[in-house]
Amino acid sequence: MSIIASSNSTSSFKPVPSGMHLARCYRVIDFGTQTSTYQGKTNHLHKVLVGFEVHGEDADGKPIRTDDGKPMIIAKQYTLSLNEKANLRADLASWRGRDFTPEEVRGFDLKNILGHWAMISVTASERDGREYTNISNVNPVPAQVKKAGLPEGENDLVYWSITEGSLEELEKFGKGIQEKIKGSPEFQRRMNGAHEYAKATGGAFDDLADDIPF
């Protein structure tokens, strides 16, 4: 099933520097329904993660790379919604350079954004003595930048949905991402369905059972 939108980190990587950067969308990950509580109110919302690899140089002219020479990465979590006030709709509309048509807003497959380039605005904040960087805006790449030539993307493109995503691919994600996905009711229903099918077919899905960590 597609990841359809309709009407953060404790990583050891150094943070992406603040500023405007050329970036390539390299992964879209379905988190399923996540529960959060804010000011005493509990919400159950379908979440999705959009990840970018960053290219270019920092303010000192140094390549924006990790210590092992790979592109630095940054991601933003969204509620999977294209209603008028949704952050996902605002960022996608800004990136596309126009808002969604009434037809488009009925269902937009996020697979369409994979591999596309953007200019992302990154801002820094501090919490509990730790520095965090966040994507504040996503914009289209200026024509002159495109004309000069875009770099080669380096990360494999990853599109992972709970209903059809590979369990082997899931195990390659970071621990925090795995915990979010495995804690969602959609993922638990998928696993329970696999077990029931295996019982009914005499173990035809034994290979899936091996991927379940408990």
Protein backbone atom coordinates (compact mmCIF):
# COMPACT_ATOMS: atom_id res chain seq x y z
CA MET A 1 0.00 0.00 0.00
CA SER A 2 1.25 3.51 -0.76
CA ILE A 3 1.86 6.11 1.94
CA ILE A 4 -0.94 8.46 0.98
CA ALA A 5 -1.44 11.89 2.53
CA SER A 6 -4.96 13.29 2.38
CA SER A 7 -7.53 16.12 3.35
CA ASN A 8 14.66 14.71 17.25
CA SER A 9 17.36 12.85 17.53
CA THR A 10 19.95 11.40 19.91
CA SER A 11 22.14 10.38 16.99
CA SER A 12 25.90 10.46 17.36
CA PHE A 13 26.13 12.39 14.07
CA LYS A 14 27.13 16.03 14.40
CA PRO A 15 24.19 18.31 13.61
CA VAL A 16 23.69 19.86 10.20
CA PRO A 17 24.78 23.52 10.43
CA SER A 18 22.14 26.23 10.43
CA GLY A 19 21.36 27.95 7.16
CA MET A 20 19.99 27.19 3.71
CA HIS A 21 21.27 23.97 2.14
CA LEU A 22 20.85 22.00 -1.04
CA ALA A 23 19.38 18.62 -0.09
CA ARG A 24 18.01 15.48 -1.70
CA CYS A 25 15.03 13.56 -0.32
CA TYR A 26 16.30 10.01 0.10
CA ARG A 27 13.79 8.32 2.36
CA VAL A 28 10.15 8.34 3.41
CA ILE A 29 9.23 6.15 6.37
CA ASP A 30 5.76 5.34 7.65
CA PHE A 31 5.57 5.43 11.47
CA GLY A 32 1.92 4.44 11.71
CA THR A 33 -0.25 5.90 14.46
CA GLN A 34 1.75 7.47 17.27
CA THR A 35 0.45 8.58 20.68
CA SER A 36 1.57 11.84 22.23
CA THR A 37 0.41 13.94 25.18
CA TYR A 38 0.73 17.72 25.32
CA GLN A 39 -0.72 19.96 28.01
CA GLY A 40 -2.82 17.09 29.30
CA LYS A 41 -4.32 16.25 25.90
CA THR A 42 -3.55 12.89 24.29
CA ASN A 43 -3.48 12.60 20.51
CA HIS A 44 -3.30 9.56 18.24
CA LEU A 45 -1.95 10.69 14.87
CA HIS A 46 -0.52 8.93 11.82
CA LYS A 47 3.11 10.06 11.45
CA VAL A 48 5.64 9.89 8.64
CA LEU A 49 9.35 10.73 8.49
CA VAL A 50 10.91 12.52 5.51
CA GLY A 51 14.72 12.36 5.37
CA PHE A 52 17.21 14.45 3.37
CA GLU A 53 20.89 14.10 2.59
CA VAL A 54 22.62 17.49 2.67
CA HIS A 55 25.15 18.75 0.12
CA GLY A 56 27.31 21.86 -0.04
CA GLU A 57 29.56 23.78 2.34
CA ASP A 58 29.17 25.38 5.74
CA ALA A 59 29.87 29.04 6.58
CA ASP A 60 33.60 28.31 6.76
CA GLY A 61 33.67 26.72 3.31
CA LYS A 62 34.03 23.18 4.63
CA PRO A 63 32.03 20.35 3.01
CA ILE A 64 28.93 19.37 4.96
CA ARG A 65 30.03 15.83 5.65
CA THR A 66 30.18 13.39 8.53
CA ASP A 67 33.54 12.38 9.96
CA ASP A 68 33.57 9.32 7.68
CA GLY A 69 32.99 11.42 4.57
CA LYS A 70 29.30 10.73 3.99
CA PRO A 71 26.61 13.38 3.39
CA MET A 72 25.08 14.63 6.62
CA ILE A 73 21.41 13.77 6.99
CA ILE A 74 18.45 15.47 8.59
CA ALA A 75 14.80 14.49 8.82
CA LYS A 76 11.46 15.96 9.73
CA GLN A 77 8.47 14.17 11.21
CA TYR A 78 5.00 15.07 9.98
CA THR A 79 1.42 14.18 10.65
CA LEU A 80 0.23 12.38 7.51
CA SER A 81 -2.35 14.94 6.48
CA LEU A 82 -2.96 17.44 3.71
CA ASN A 83 -5.55 19.54 5.48
CA GLU A 84 -5.14 23.31 5.16
CA LYS A 85 -3.26 23.75 8.44
CA ALA A 86 -1.02 20.66 8.18
CA ASN A 87 2.75 21.20 8.23
CA LEU A 88 3.18 18.52 5.57
CA ARG A 89 0.94 20.40 3.16
CA ALA A 90 2.71 23.70 3.88
CA ASP A 91 6.18 22.26 3.23
CA LEU A 92 5.15 20.32 0.13
CA ALA A 93 3.36 23.35 -1.32
CA SER A 94 6.39 25.53 -0.65
CA TRP A 95 8.68 22.92 -2.20
CA ARG A 96 6.50 22.53 -5.30
CA GLY A 97 6.08 26.29 -5.66
CA ARG A 98 2.29 26.01 -5.60
CA ASP A 99 -0.49 24.64 -3.46
CA PHE A 100 -2.36 21.41 -4.16
CA THR A 101 -5.34 21.34 -6.48
CA PRO A 102 -8.66 20.01 -5.11
CA GLU A 103 -8.01 16.78 -7.03
CA GLU A 104 -4.46 16.40 -5.66
CA VAL A 105 -5.48 17.06 -2.07
CA ARG A 106 -7.72 13.98 -2.11
CA GLY A 107 -4.66 11.78 -2.08
CA PHE A 108 -0.98 12.42 -2.76
CA ASP A 109 1.51 9.52 -2.77
CA LEU A 110 4.62 10.57 -0.87
CA LYS A 111 6.68 8.25 -3.05
CA ASN A 112 6.59 11.10 -5.56
CA ILE A 113 9.04 13.20 -3.52
CA LEU A 114 11.80 10.56 -3.35
CA GLY A 115 14.97 11.52 -5.17
CA HIS A 116 13.93 15.13 -5.67
CA TRP A 117 16.12 18.06 -4.67
CA ALA A 118 15.16 20.99 -2.47
CA MET A 119 16.60 23.94 -0.62
CA ILE A 120 16.01 23.32 3.06
CA SER A 121 16.29 25.94 5.79
CA VAL A 122 17.86 24.52 8.94
CA THR A 123 17.59 26.22 12.31
CA ALA A 124 19.29 25.37 15.60
CA SER A 125 17.81 25.14 19.08
CA GLU A 126 19.02 23.99 22.48
CA ARG A 127 17.21 21.77 24.95
CA ASP A 128 18.56 20.21 28.14
CA GLY A 129 22.06 21.32 27.23
CA ARG A 130 22.00 19.59 23.85
CA GLU A 131 21.95 21.30 20.45
CA TYR A 132 19.32 20.22 17.96
CA THR A 133 18.80 21.25 14.35
CA ASN A 134 15.46 21.22 12.61
CA ILE A 135 14.10 21.73 9.12
CA SER A 136 12.07 24.94 9.28
CA ASN A 137 11.31 25.37 5.56
CA VAL A 138 11.50 23.40 2.33
CA ASN A 139 11.79 25.34 -0.93
CA PRO A 140 12.39 24.59 -4.62
CA VAL A 141 15.92 24.62 -6.01
CA PRO A 142 16.60 27.93 -7.85
CA ALA A 143 16.90 27.66 -11.63
CA GLN A 144 20.49 28.93 -11.59
CA VAL A 145 21.52 26.17 -9.19
CA LYS A 146 19.92 23.55 -11.44
CA LYS A 147 21.62 25.06 -14.46
CA ALA A 148 25.02 24.83 -12.75
CA GLY A 149 24.37 21.12 -12.20
CA LEU A 150 23.16 19.13 -9.23
CA PRO A 151 25.51 16.71 -7.45
CA GLU A 152 25.07 12.96 -7.51
CA GLY A 153 22.86 11.55 -4.77
CA GLU A 154 24.72 9.13 -2.51
CA ASN A 155 22.18 7.38 -0.30
CA ASP A 156 19.90 4.64 -1.59
CA LEU A 157 16.29 5.75 -1.93
CA VAL A 158 14.11 4.19 0.76
CA TYR A 159 10.31 4.16 0.76
CA TRP A 160 8.94 2.09 3.63
CA SER A 161 5.27 1.58 4.48
CA ILE A 162 4.02 -0.47 7.41
CA THR A 163 1.66 -2.59 5.32
CA GLU A 164 4.19 -3.62 2.66
CA GLY A 165 7.65 -2.54 3.82
CA SER A 166 10.32 -5.24 4.06
CA LEU A 167 10.96 -6.49 7.60
CA GLU A 168 14.60 -6.94 6.63
CA GLU A 169 14.79 -3.27 5.65
CA LEU A 170 13.12 -2.30 8.94
CA GLU A 171 15.96 -3.89 10.90
CA LYS A 172 18.41 -1.54 9.16
CA PHE A 173 16.76 1.56 10.61
CA GLY A 174 18.01 3.20 13.79
CA LYS A 175 16.75 1.85 17.11
CA GLY A 176 14.52 4.86 17.77
CA ILE A 177 12.78 4.56 14.40
CA GLN A 178 12.28 0.81 14.85
CA GLU A 179 10.72 1.32 18.27
CA LYS A 180 8.24 3.86 16.93
CA ILE A 181 7.19 1.63 14.05
CA LYS A 182 6.95 -1.57 16.11
CA GLY A 183 4.90 0.23 18.75
CA SER A 184 2.25 1.36 16.28
CA PRO A 185 -1.11 -0.46 16.15
CA GLU A 186 -0.75 -0.86 12.36
CA PHE A 187 2.52 -2.79 12.70
CA GLN A 188 1.14 -4.95 15.51
CA ARG A 189 -1.88 -5.81 13.36
CA ARG A 190 0.47 -6.76 10.53
CA MET A 191 2.44 -9.08 12.78
CA ASN A 192 -0.66 -10.61 14.32
CA GLY A 193 -2.07 -11.19 10.84
CA ALA A 194 1.13 -12.95 9.78
CA HIS A 195 0.93 -15.27 12.78
CA GLU A 196 -2.72 -16.12 12.14
CA TYR A 197 -2.00 -16.82 8.46
CA ALA A 198 0.92 -19.05 9.40
CA LYS A 199 -1.31 -21.06 11.74
CA ALA A 200 -3.97 -21.47 9.07
CA THR A 201 -1.50 -22.54 6.38
CA GLY A 202 0.70 -24.78 8.48
CA GLY A 203 3.60 -22.36 8.79
CA ALA A 204 3.78 -20.89 5.29
CA PHE A 205 4.99 -17.63 6.84
CA ASP A 206 7.68 -19.12 9.09
CA ASP A 207 10.29 -16.81 7.51
CA LEU A 208 8.31 -13.79 8.72
CA ALA A 209 8.16 -15.14 12.24
CA ASP A 210 11.98 -15.22 12.36
CA ASP A 211 12.03 -11.45 11.90
CA ILE A 212 9.87 -10.74 14.97
CA PRO A 213 12.15 -9.76 17.88
CA PHE A 214 9.93 -11.18 20.66
